[in-house]
Amino acid sequence: MEKIKLIEARKQKGFSQQQIAEHLCIDVSNYSRREKGQVKISSNEWEKIASLLKIPVEEIFESEESMIFICRDNATGNYQGNNHIYSIPEYLLENQRKYIAKLEEENISLKEELKLLNTKLSQK
């Protein structure tokens, strides 16, 4: 799977594939295969690339596992990746939005409960 975050970060920072390849001590075609997801990027290489780009690894790291997208003809949501557009049904997106809202409400409630417990403990 193409490493979109890595490619975008490299371009934003003004680095060529050649410069990254030299930093990793590999040839540019080998590095290109890494960006395309054809060759796995080792954790050591992720660290070196992040160091060169002066950003945390988390900003560029993408798992080697492939993603699965459900496609439907009547979908209104879209995801673009690997030069393909995948449609995600709106009902799935709405379901996830509702779940996130529920978790946010629960988080607020738990924070309030924690605040009350802390207040009670400090009064003792």
Protein backbone atom coordinates (compact mmCIF):
# COMPACT_ATOMS: atom_id res chain seq x y z
CA MET A 1 0.00 0.00 0.00
CA GLU A 2 1.36 3.39 -1.01
CA LYS A 3 2.70 5.44 1.89
CA ILE A 4 0.64 8.59 1.35
CA LYS A 5 1.64 10.33 4.61
CA LEU A 6 5.32 9.70 3.94
CA ILE A 7 5.13 10.97 0.35
CA GLU A 8 3.24 14.11 1.36
CA ALA A 9 5.63 14.86 4.24
CA ARG A 10 8.68 14.31 2.03
CA LYS A 11 7.31 16.68 -0.61
CA GLN A 12 6.26 19.31 1.98
CA LYS A 13 9.76 19.29 3.44
CA GLY A 14 11.25 19.65 -0.05
CA PHE A 15 13.10 16.33 -0.20
CA SER A 16 13.43 14.20 -3.32
CA GLN A 17 13.29 10.42 -3.31
CA GLN A 18 16.99 10.50 -4.21
CA GLN A 19 17.85 12.46 -1.05
CA ILE A 20 15.89 10.09 1.19
CA ALA A 21 17.44 7.07 -0.55
CA GLU A 22 20.94 8.45 0.02
CA HIS A 23 20.14 9.03 3.69
CA LEU A 24 19.07 5.38 3.96
CA CYS A 25 22.10 4.20 1.93
CA ILE A 26 19.92 2.55 -0.72
CA ASP A 27 19.33 3.32 -4.39
CA VAL A 28 16.41 5.50 -5.44
CA SER A 29 14.51 2.67 -7.15
CA ASN A 30 14.64 0.68 -3.92
CA TYR A 31 13.33 3.67 -1.96
CA SER A 32 10.61 4.24 -4.54
CA ARG A 33 9.40 0.66 -4.00
CA ARG A 34 9.16 1.41 -0.28
CA GLU A 35 6.98 4.47 -0.89
CA LYS A 36 4.78 2.42 -3.22
CA GLY A 37 4.37 -0.23 -0.52
CA GLN A 38 6.05 -2.92 -2.60
CA VAL A 39 8.89 -3.30 -0.07
CA LYS A 40 8.45 -3.10 3.70
CA ILE A 41 10.01 -0.14 5.51
CA SER A 42 11.87 -1.32 8.61
CA SER A 43 11.41 0.44 11.96
CA ASN A 44 15.02 1.62 11.74
CA GLU A 45 14.31 3.16 8.31
CA TRP A 46 11.15 4.86 9.63
CA GLU A 47 13.27 6.41 12.39
CA LYS A 48 15.95 7.60 9.95
CA ILE A 49 13.39 9.13 7.59
CA ALA A 50 11.57 10.90 10.43
CA SER A 51 14.89 12.22 11.72
CA LEU A 52 15.83 13.59 8.30
CA LEU A 53 12.40 15.21 7.87
CA LYS A 54 12.58 16.50 11.48
CA ILE A 55 9.14 15.17 12.37
CA PRO A 56 7.87 12.43 14.72
CA VAL A 57 7.61 8.95 13.21
CA GLU A 58 3.90 8.93 14.08
CA GLU A 59 3.28 11.67 11.50
CA ILE A 60 4.53 9.54 8.61
CA PHE A 61 4.18 5.91 9.74
CA GLU A 62 1.61 3.79 7.95
CA SER A 63 1.08 0.15 8.77
CA GLU A 64 2.00 -2.53 6.27
CA GLU A 65 -1.43 -4.08 6.75
CA SER A 66 -3.89 -3.47 3.94
CA MET A 67 -7.10 -1.57 4.55
CA ILE A 68 -10.49 -2.84 3.46
CA PHE A 69 -13.22 -0.50 2.29
CA ILE A 70 -16.79 -1.52 1.67
CA CYS A 71 -18.10 -0.29 -1.68
CA ARG A 72 -21.75 0.38 -2.46
CA ASP A 73 -23.35 2.00 -5.51
CA ASN A 74 -25.54 4.32 -3.44
CA ALA A 75 -22.71 5.63 -1.26
CA THR A 76 -22.15 9.33 -0.66
CA GLY A 77 -18.85 9.14 1.22
CA ASN A 78 -15.58 8.74 -0.65
CA TYR A 79 -12.05 7.76 0.24
CA GLN A 80 -9.18 8.26 -2.16
CA GLY A 81 -6.06 6.17 -1.88
CA ASN A 82 -3.68 4.26 -4.13
CA ASN A 83 -5.08 6.25 -7.07
CA HIS A 84 -8.51 4.62 -6.63
CA ILE A 85 -11.69 6.05 -5.18
CA TYR A 86 -13.61 3.84 -2.77
CA SER A 87 -17.18 4.65 -1.85
CA ILE A 88 -18.22 4.29 1.77
CA PRO A 89 -21.95 4.12 2.44
CA GLU A 90 -23.28 7.19 4.24
CA TYR A 91 -25.06 4.99 6.80
CA LEU A 92 -21.70 3.58 7.92
CA LEU A 93 -20.25 7.06 8.26
CA GLU A 94 -23.31 8.22 10.20
CA ASN A 95 -23.09 5.16 12.46
CA GLN A 96 -19.47 6.04 13.28
CA ARG A 97 -20.38 9.71 13.91
CA LYS A 98 -23.06 8.62 16.40
CA TYR A 99 -20.66 6.27 18.15
CA ILE A 100 -18.04 9.02 18.45
CA ALA A 101 -20.65 11.42 19.86
CA LYS A 102 -21.69 8.78 22.41
CA LEU A 103 -18.06 8.26 23.47
CA GLU A 104 -17.54 12.02 23.80
CA GLU A 105 -20.63 12.29 26.04
CA GLU A 106 -19.40 9.38 28.14
CA ASN A 107 -15.98 11.04 28.42
CA ILE A 108 -17.56 14.27 29.72
CA SER A 109 -19.64 12.31 32.22
CA LEU A 110 -16.60 10.39 33.48
CA LYS A 111 -14.58 13.59 33.84
CA GLU A 112 -17.38 15.12 35.94
CA GLU A 113 -17.55 11.98 38.08
CA LEU A 114 -13.79 12.08 38.57
CA LYS A 115 -13.96 15.72 39.56
CA LEU A 116 -16.62 14.91 42.18
CA LEU A 117 -14.54 12.07 43.58
CA ASN A 118 -11.46 14.29 43.78
CA THR A 119 -13.50 16.95 45.59
CA LYS A 120 -14.78 14.40 48.12
CA LEU A 121 -11.27 13.05 48.69
CA SER A 122 -9.82 16.52 49.24
CA GLN A 123 -12.53 17.30 51.84
CA LYS A 124 -11.54 14.32 54.00
